[in-house]
C-alpha cells in the first residue's frame, strides 16, 4: 500500500512540470518545458527554466546584491554550461510554428553558487558592461530620430542592469558622425565611436516602415504599413560580429484615411519592436555570458617588437595552458594577436605580468577582451 502511494505521488510530481522531483544535499531534479523558434532554442529555453526552478533558493538569496538582475540573467544565459546532466523527454513542433522541448534535469546548487561568484568577480573588476545602441529608423524613407526600436532595446538593457549609451546621447556628442555611420552601416566608424564611450558591445541596425495602402478593418479605414528590420551586435574591442537578428517583414497600422500616416508607421514599428526586442536581449545575454567565460577571443596589441620578436611571442603564447589558438599580424612595429583561449583578457594578463613574461611585455591597458602592451624599455 505504501509503495503504491509513493508511486502515485511520484507520477503526480512528474506531471507537475517545473516542480522539483527529488533532491539531495547538492542536486535538485526538476522537469521543465521550453519553447523556441528552433529545436535548439527550445532546448536552451527548457534548460534556463530548469535552472530557474532548481536554483530558486540559491538565486533568491542574492536578491539584495548589487547588480542582482544582471548576474541572475547572465547565469540563466549560461544554463547550458551549468546543467550538464539532463535528458530530453519529448521534443517537436508546437503552436504557431514554434518548437517545444521537455527535459528532466539535475541542477547543482554548488555550481550556481560558484557561477554567481565568477560573474560577480568579473563585474567587480570591470564594472557594469557598457553597450552603445544606434538604430536608424525610417518611415516612408524619411529618417525618424525618435527611434522606437532603439528606445525599446535601450529600455530592456537598462532594466537588466547594463550601462547603456542611448542613440540620442551618442548623436548629441558624436553629432553627424553617428548618423552617417549608422546610415552607411559603417562598422569601423561605429566601432571607433563605441570605443570613445568605453563600451564592450555596440548594437547597430535599421528599421523601415513603408505605406502599403488603406484597408477596411472592422468597418473603420486604417492606414497599413509594411516593414523590415535588422539588428547587429559587435564586440567593441575587435569589431567582430556577434549576432544578427532580423524581422524580414511585418505589417501594422493605425486608423486613418490617408495612405501616408506617420502615426500608422510608428504603430507598425512599435509592433515590430515588441517582436524583436526580446530576441535581441536574449542574444546579448548569451554573448555577454560567453564573453566572460571560457572560449572567448582576446585581442592583444604589442608595440615596439621586431618581426622576429613578434614570431617568438606567438610561439610562447601558444605554449600557455588554456590557449587554444593564436593568429597574428605584424605591421610597422605593432604585433596584433587574436587569441582563442579558455579565459578572458583579465585572466591572460595575470600570466603576462609574472616571471619572464614581465621582462618581455609591459601591460598598459586591459579591457574585457583586449590587452594593450609594449616592449619594456631597456
Protein backbone atom coordinates (compact mmCIF):
# COMPACT_ATOMS: atom_id res chain seq x y z
CA UNK A 1 0.00 0.00 0.00
CA UNK A 2 2.80 2.38 0.94
CA UNK A 3 4.69 1.55 -2.25
CA UNK A 4 1.57 2.17 -4.35
CA UNK A 5 1.03 5.52 -2.62
CA UNK A 6 4.66 6.52 -3.26
CA UNK A 7 4.35 5.50 -6.93
CA UNK A 8 1.19 7.61 -7.35
CA UNK A 9 2.91 10.53 -5.63
CA UNK A 10 5.95 10.22 -7.91
CA UNK A 11 3.79 10.20 -11.05
CA UNK A 12 1.89 13.23 -9.80
CA UNK A 13 5.11 15.16 -9.24
CA UNK A 14 6.45 14.11 -12.64
CA UNK A 15 3.41 15.61 -14.29
CA UNK A 16 3.80 18.90 -12.44
CA UNK A 17 6.25 20.44 -14.95
CA UNK A 18 8.93 22.61 -13.39
CA UNK A 19 8.50 21.26 -9.85
CA UNK A 20 11.42 19.55 -8.08
CA UNK A 21 11.21 15.74 -8.32
CA UNK A 22 13.69 14.93 -5.60
CA UNK A 23 16.76 16.48 -4.03
CA UNK A 24 19.89 15.52 -2.16
CA UNK A 25 22.35 17.78 -0.42
CA UNK A 26 23.57 19.49 -3.59
CA UNK A 27 21.36 18.41 -6.51
CA UNK A 28 17.73 19.20 -7.27
CA UNK A 29 15.99 17.27 -10.08
CA UNK A 30 13.28 19.11 -11.99
CA UNK A 31 11.08 18.80 -15.06
CA UNK A 32 10.96 21.77 -17.42
CA UNK A 33 9.31 22.66 -20.72
CA UNK A 34 10.88 25.11 -23.17
CA UNK A 35 9.69 26.76 -26.36
CA UNK A 36 11.58 28.48 -29.18
CA UNK A 37 11.83 29.17 -32.88
CA UNK A 38 14.03 26.08 -33.37
CA UNK A 39 14.71 22.78 -31.60
CA UNK A 40 17.95 24.18 -30.21
CA UNK A 41 16.23 27.35 -28.96
CA UNK A 42 13.51 25.27 -27.29
CA UNK A 43 16.10 23.07 -25.56
CA UNK A 44 18.01 26.12 -24.30
CA UNK A 45 14.76 27.64 -23.02
CA UNK A 46 14.00 24.40 -21.16
CA UNK A 47 17.47 24.42 -19.58
CA UNK A 48 17.04 28.03 -18.49
CA UNK A 49 13.68 27.23 -16.91
CA UNK A 50 15.13 24.18 -15.19
CA UNK A 51 17.93 26.29 -13.74
CA UNK A 52 15.47 28.99 -12.71
CA UNK A 53 13.29 26.45 -10.89
CA UNK A 54 16.01 24.24 -9.43
CA UNK A 55 18.16 27.17 -8.27
CA UNK A 56 15.32 29.33 -6.99
CA UNK A 57 16.50 29.30 -3.36
CA UNK A 58 20.17 29.96 -4.17
CA UNK A 59 19.39 32.78 -6.61
CA UNK A 60 16.80 34.46 -4.36
CA UNK A 61 19.36 34.50 -1.54
CA UNK A 62 21.28 37.11 -3.56
CA UNK A 63 18.22 39.29 -4.24
CA UNK A 64 19.65 42.24 -2.30
CA UNK A 65 23.06 42.04 -4.00
CA UNK A 66 24.30 44.79 -6.29
CA UNK A 67 23.66 44.07 -10.00
CA UNK A 68 21.32 41.23 -9.00
CA UNK A 69 19.29 41.21 -12.24
CA UNK A 70 22.38 41.31 -14.47
CA UNK A 71 24.15 38.49 -12.62
CA UNK A 72 20.96 36.40 -12.46
CA UNK A 73 20.23 36.76 -16.18
CA UNK A 74 23.89 36.03 -17.00
CA UNK A 75 23.61 32.79 -15.03
CA UNK A 76 20.38 31.92 -16.86
CA UNK A 77 22.17 32.57 -20.17
CA UNK A 78 24.91 30.15 -19.08
CA UNK A 79 22.44 27.43 -18.09
CA UNK A 80 23.66 25.09 -20.85
CA UNK A 81 27.11 25.04 -19.27
CA UNK A 82 25.87 24.79 -15.69
CA UNK A 83 23.36 21.97 -16.23
CA UNK A 84 25.33 19.08 -17.68
CA UNK A 85 23.12 16.22 -16.51
CA UNK A 86 19.75 16.27 -18.26
CA UNK A 87 17.60 14.11 -20.51
CA UNK A 88 15.29 15.23 -23.31
CA UNK A 89 11.93 13.54 -22.70
CA UNK A 90 9.99 14.98 -25.60
CA UNK A 91 10.52 17.47 -28.41
CA UNK A 92 8.65 18.51 -31.51
CA UNK A 93 6.60 21.20 -33.17
CA UNK A 94 4.45 23.47 -31.03
CA UNK A 95 1.88 26.15 -31.78
CA UNK A 96 2.37 28.90 -34.38
CA UNK A 97 5.46 27.37 -35.95
CA UNK A 98 7.48 27.11 -32.74
CA UNK A 99 9.20 24.07 -31.23
CA UNK A 100 8.82 22.65 -27.73
CA UNK A 101 11.19 20.59 -25.60
CA UNK A 102 10.57 18.81 -22.30
CA UNK A 103 13.52 17.75 -20.16
CA UNK A 104 14.40 16.20 -16.82
CA UNK A 105 17.47 17.90 -15.35
CA UNK A 106 19.66 17.74 -12.27
CA UNK A 107 20.56 21.24 -11.03
CA UNK A 108 23.63 21.65 -8.84
CA UNK A 109 23.27 24.27 -6.12
CA UNK A 110 27.04 24.49 -5.68
CA UNK A 111 27.51 25.12 -9.43
CA UNK A 112 25.08 28.04 -9.23
CA UNK A 113 26.91 29.46 -6.21
CA UNK A 114 30.27 29.09 -7.98
CA UNK A 115 28.99 30.72 -11.17
CA UNK A 116 27.46 33.58 -9.20
CA UNK A 117 30.86 34.24 -7.65
CA UNK A 118 32.62 34.16 -11.04
CA UNK A 119 30.22 36.62 -12.66
CA UNK A 120 30.25 38.92 -9.63
CA UNK A 121 34.05 38.89 -9.68
CA UNK A 122 34.11 39.98 -13.33
CA UNK A 123 31.67 42.81 -12.58
CA UNK A 124 33.79 43.91 -9.62
CA UNK A 125 36.81 44.10 -11.96
CA UNK A 126 35.31 45.86 -14.97
CA UNK A 127 32.10 47.42 -13.65
CA UNK A 128 28.76 47.11 -15.40
CA UNK A 129 29.19 46.22 -19.06
CA UNK A 130 28.64 49.15 -21.40
CA UNK A 131 26.55 48.92 -24.56
CA UNK A 132 26.01 51.52 -27.28
CA UNK A 133 22.75 51.35 -29.24
CA UNK A 134 22.36 53.13 -32.57
CA UNK A 135 19.39 52.24 -34.81
CA UNK A 136 18.40 54.17 -37.94
CA UNK A 137 14.62 54.22 -38.34
CA UNK A 138 12.73 55.42 -41.43
CA UNK A 139 9.05 55.99 -42.16
CA UNK A 140 8.31 56.29 -45.87
CA UNK A 141 12.03 56.73 -46.50
CA UNK A 142 12.40 59.66 -44.09
CA UNK A 143 14.65 59.26 -41.04
CA UNK A 144 12.76 59.48 -37.75
CA UNK A 145 15.18 60.49 -34.97
CA UNK A 146 12.86 59.23 -32.21
CA UNK A 147 13.62 55.59 -32.98
CA UNK A 148 11.09 53.29 -31.35
CA UNK A 149 13.15 50.11 -31.81
CA UNK A 150 16.23 51.85 -30.46
CA UNK A 151 14.45 53.11 -27.34
CA UNK A 152 12.83 49.71 -26.68
CA UNK A 153 16.21 47.92 -26.85
CA UNK A 154 17.75 50.56 -24.56
CA UNK A 155 14.88 50.23 -22.09
CA UNK A 156 15.27 46.46 -21.93
CA UNK A 157 19.03 46.59 -21.41
CA UNK A 158 18.84 49.31 -18.76
CA UNK A 159 16.25 47.26 -16.87
CA UNK A 160 18.69 44.33 -16.88
CA UNK A 161 21.49 46.41 -15.40
CA UNK A 162 23.66 47.27 -18.40
CA UNK A 163 25.29 50.68 -18.67
CA UNK A 164 23.60 51.89 -21.86
CA UNK A 165 24.67 54.76 -24.10
CA UNK A 166 21.49 55.69 -25.91
CA UNK A 167 21.42 56.64 -29.57
CA UNK A 168 20.12 60.10 -28.70
CA UNK A 169 23.04 60.60 -26.31
CA UNK A 170 25.55 59.28 -28.85
CA UNK A 171 24.20 61.54 -31.59
CA UNK A 172 24.35 64.60 -29.32
CA UNK A 173 28.05 64.01 -28.62
CA UNK A 174 29.24 62.48 -31.89
CA UNK A 175 26.85 64.69 -33.90
CA UNK A 176 26.77 63.93 -37.62
CA UNK A 177 29.34 61.11 -37.43
CA UNK A 178 26.98 58.80 -35.56
CA UNK A 179 24.11 59.23 -38.02
CA UNK A 180 26.43 58.80 -41.00
CA UNK A 181 27.97 55.68 -39.50
CA UNK A 182 24.55 54.12 -38.83
CA UNK A 183 23.13 55.12 -42.21
CA UNK A 184 26.14 53.73 -44.08
CA UNK A 185 26.37 50.64 -41.85
CA UNK A 186 30.00 51.67 -41.36
CA UNK A 187 31.19 49.19 -38.75
CA UNK A 188 34.68 50.69 -38.36
CA UNK A 189 33.27 54.15 -37.73
CA UNK A 190 30.69 52.86 -35.22
CA UNK A 191 33.42 50.83 -33.52
CA UNK A 192 35.54 53.98 -33.13
CA UNK A 193 32.58 55.84 -31.59
CA UNK A 194 31.81 52.90 -29.27
CA UNK A 195 35.46 52.84 -28.12
CA UNK A 196 35.25 56.53 -27.26
CA UNK A 197 32.32 55.70 -24.97
CA UNK A 198 34.22 52.77 -23.43
CA UNK A 199 31.58 50.14 -24.24
CA UNK A 200 32.16 46.38 -24.52
CA UNK A 201 29.40 45.79 -27.11
CA UNK A 202 27.73 48.02 -29.68
CA UNK A 203 24.41 47.40 -31.39
CA UNK A 204 23.51 48.89 -34.73
CA UNK A 205 20.70 48.38 -37.17
CA UNK A 206 17.96 49.74 -39.36
CA UNK A 207 14.18 49.61 -39.32
CA UNK A 208 11.85 50.71 -42.12
CA UNK A 209 8.10 51.21 -42.38
CA UNK A 210 6.54 51.97 -45.78
CA UNK A 211 2.95 52.75 -46.73
CA UNK A 212 1.00 49.74 -48.00
CA UNK A 213 -2.43 51.24 -48.70
CA UNK A 214 -5.63 51.73 -46.71
CA UNK A 215 -7.72 48.76 -45.54
CA UNK A 216 -11.13 48.41 -44.00
CA UNK A 217 -10.70 46.89 -40.54
CA UNK A 218 -13.93 46.15 -38.69
CA UNK A 219 -15.72 48.93 -40.53
CA UNK A 220 -13.00 51.55 -39.97
CA UNK A 221 -10.40 52.72 -42.51
CA UNK A 222 -6.81 52.01 -41.44
CA UNK A 223 -3.53 53.09 -42.99
CA UNK A 224 -1.37 49.97 -43.28
CA UNK A 225 2.43 49.82 -43.33
CA UNK A 226 4.86 47.06 -44.27
CA UNK A 227 8.29 46.97 -42.74
CA UNK A 228 11.55 45.19 -42.09
CA UNK A 229 14.36 45.50 -39.59
CA UNK A 230 17.80 44.09 -38.84
CA UNK A 231 19.82 44.48 -35.65
CA UNK A 232 23.51 43.54 -35.42
CA UNK A 233 25.75 43.19 -32.36
CA UNK A 234 29.54 43.57 -32.30
CA UNK A 235 32.41 43.37 -29.82
CA UNK A 236 33.74 46.90 -29.50
CA UNK A 237 37.34 45.80 -28.92
CA UNK A 238 37.66 43.62 -32.02
CA UNK A 239 34.77 44.74 -34.23
CA UNK A 240 33.78 41.09 -34.64
CA UNK A 241 30.12 40.43 -35.45
CA UNK A 242 28.47 38.59 -32.58
CA UNK A 243 24.99 38.07 -33.95
CA UNK A 244 22.35 39.42 -36.27
CA UNK A 245 18.63 39.40 -35.57
CA UNK A 246 16.09 40.33 -38.20
CA UNK A 247 12.41 40.63 -38.88
CA UNK A 248 12.18 40.40 -42.67
CA UNK A 249 8.56 41.51 -42.98
CA UNK A 250 5.75 42.61 -40.75
CA UNK A 251 2.59 44.65 -41.14
CA UNK A 252 0.85 47.10 -38.86
CA UNK A 253 -1.04 50.36 -38.92
CA UNK A 254 -3.48 52.75 -37.31
CA UNK A 255 -6.89 54.26 -38.04
CA UNK A 256 -6.84 56.87 -40.76
CA UNK A 257 -7.97 57.59 -44.30
CA UNK A 258 -4.60 58.81 -45.59
CA UNK A 259 -2.30 56.21 -47.08
CA UNK A 260 0.78 58.06 -45.75
CA UNK A 261 0.42 58.33 -41.99
CA UNK A 262 3.44 58.82 -39.67
CA UNK A 263 1.24 57.65 -36.80
CA UNK A 264 0.46 54.39 -38.61
CA UNK A 265 4.15 53.98 -39.48
CA UNK A 266 5.11 54.42 -35.83
CA UNK A 267 2.47 51.92 -34.78
CA UNK A 268 3.89 49.39 -37.24
CA UNK A 269 7.40 49.98 -35.89
CA UNK A 270 6.15 49.63 -32.33
CA UNK A 271 4.69 46.22 -33.19
CA UNK A 272 7.99 45.16 -34.75
CA UNK A 273 9.90 46.33 -31.68
CA UNK A 274 7.71 44.19 -29.44
CA UNK A 275 8.61 41.13 -31.51
CA UNK A 276 12.36 41.68 -31.88
CA UNK A 277 13.47 43.24 -28.57
CA UNK A 278 13.38 40.01 -26.54
CA UNK A 279 15.29 38.20 -29.29
CA UNK A 280 17.96 40.91 -29.17
CA UNK A 281 18.09 40.79 -25.38
CA UNK A 282 18.47 37.01 -25.28
CA UNK A 283 21.27 37.21 -27.85
CA UNK A 284 23.06 39.97 -25.94
CA UNK A 285 22.87 37.93 -22.74
CA UNK A 286 24.18 34.79 -24.44
CA UNK A 287 27.10 36.69 -25.98
CA UNK A 288 27.87 38.55 -22.78
CA UNK A 289 27.79 35.28 -20.83
CA UNK A 290 30.14 33.67 -23.37
CA UNK A 291 32.44 36.68 -23.34
CA UNK A 292 33.08 36.48 -19.59
CA UNK A 293 33.54 32.71 -19.55
CA UNK A 294 35.71 30.16 -21.32
CA UNK A 295 36.40 30.03 -25.02
CA UNK A 296 36.44 33.76 -25.76
CA UNK A 297 38.58 35.61 -28.30
CA UNK A 298 41.16 38.01 -26.92
CA UNK A 299 42.88 40.69 -28.97
CA UNK A 300 46.35 41.70 -27.82
CA UNK A 301 48.36 44.53 -29.36
CA UNK A 302 52.06 44.82 -28.58
CA UNK A 303 54.07 47.86 -29.65
CA UNK A 304 57.83 48.07 -30.18
CA UNK A 305 58.63 44.49 -31.25
CA UNK A 306 60.80 43.40 -34.13
CA UNK A 307 59.37 40.86 -36.58
CA UNK A 308 61.49 38.10 -35.01
CA UNK A 309 60.33 39.04 -31.52
CA UNK A 310 56.69 39.03 -32.66
CA UNK A 311 57.03 35.48 -34.02
CA UNK A 312 58.75 34.26 -30.83
CA UNK A 313 55.99 35.81 -28.73
CA UNK A 314 53.35 33.99 -30.81
CA UNK A 315 55.06 30.64 -30.16
CA UNK A 316 55.42 31.45 -26.46
CA UNK A 317 51.73 32.34 -26.16
CA UNK A 318 50.77 29.04 -27.81
CA UNK A 319 52.56 27.18 -25.00
CA UNK A 320 50.40 28.73 -22.27
CA UNK A 321 47.81 26.47 -20.64
CA UNK A 322 44.31 27.50 -21.73
CA UNK A 323 45.43 28.98 -25.06
CA UNK A 324 43.84 27.09 -27.94
CA UNK A 325 44.88 29.12 -30.99
CA UNK A 326 46.95 32.22 -31.79
CA UNK A 327 46.82 34.19 -35.04
CA UNK A 328 48.83 37.35 -35.57
CA UNK A 329 49.79 40.09 -37.98
CA UNK A 330 52.78 42.43 -37.79
CA UNK A 331 52.79 45.98 -39.17
CA UNK A 332 55.32 48.75 -38.50
CA UNK A 333 56.43 47.56 -35.11
CA UNK A 334 52.97 46.65 -33.83
CA UNK A 335 52.07 42.97 -33.43
CA UNK A 336 48.33 42.21 -33.20
CA UNK A 337 47.39 38.80 -31.82
CA UNK A 338 43.95 37.18 -31.95
CA UNK A 339 43.92 34.56 -29.23
CA UNK A 340 41.26 31.90 -28.69
CA UNK A 341 41.51 30.99 -25.02
CA UNK A 342 39.67 29.43 -22.10
CA UNK A 343 39.99 32.68 -20.17
CA UNK A 344 39.25 36.36 -20.62
CA UNK A 345 41.78 39.17 -21.03
CA UNK A 346 42.00 39.68 -17.28
CA UNK A 347 42.96 36.03 -16.78
CA UNK A 348 45.58 36.15 -19.55
CA UNK A 349 47.04 39.39 -18.20
CA UNK A 350 47.60 37.70 -14.83
CA UNK A 351 50.01 35.31 -16.59
CA UNK A 352 51.74 38.08 -18.54
CA UNK A 353 52.76 40.19 -15.55
CA UNK A 354 54.68 37.40 -13.80
CA UNK A 355 58.17 35.93 -14.13
CA UNK A 356 59.91 36.02 -17.52
CA UNK A 357 56.75 37.42 -19.15
CA UNK A 358 57.28 40.70 -17.28
CA UNK A 359 60.68 41.01 -18.97
CA UNK A 360 59.08 40.54 -22.40
CA UNK A 361 55.92 42.66 -22.06
CA UNK A 362 54.68 45.71 -20.21
CA UNK A 363 50.86 45.74 -19.95
CA UNK A 364 49.49 49.26 -20.43
CA UNK A 365 45.72 48.64 -20.68
CA UNK A 366 43.26 45.79 -20.05
CA UNK A 367 39.68 45.63 -21.28
CA UNK A 368 37.32 42.65 -21.05
CA UNK A 369 38.64 41.00 -24.24
CA UNK A 370 41.53 43.27 -25.19
CA UNK A 371 45.07 43.80 -23.92
CA UNK A 372 47.43 46.57 -24.98
CA UNK A 373 51.12 46.14 -24.20
CA UNK A 374 54.54 47.36 -25.25
CA UNK A 375 58.11 46.14 -25.19
CA UNK A 376 59.70 47.20 -21.89
CA UNK A 377 62.34 49.91 -22.04
CA UNK A 378 65.85 48.56 -21.62
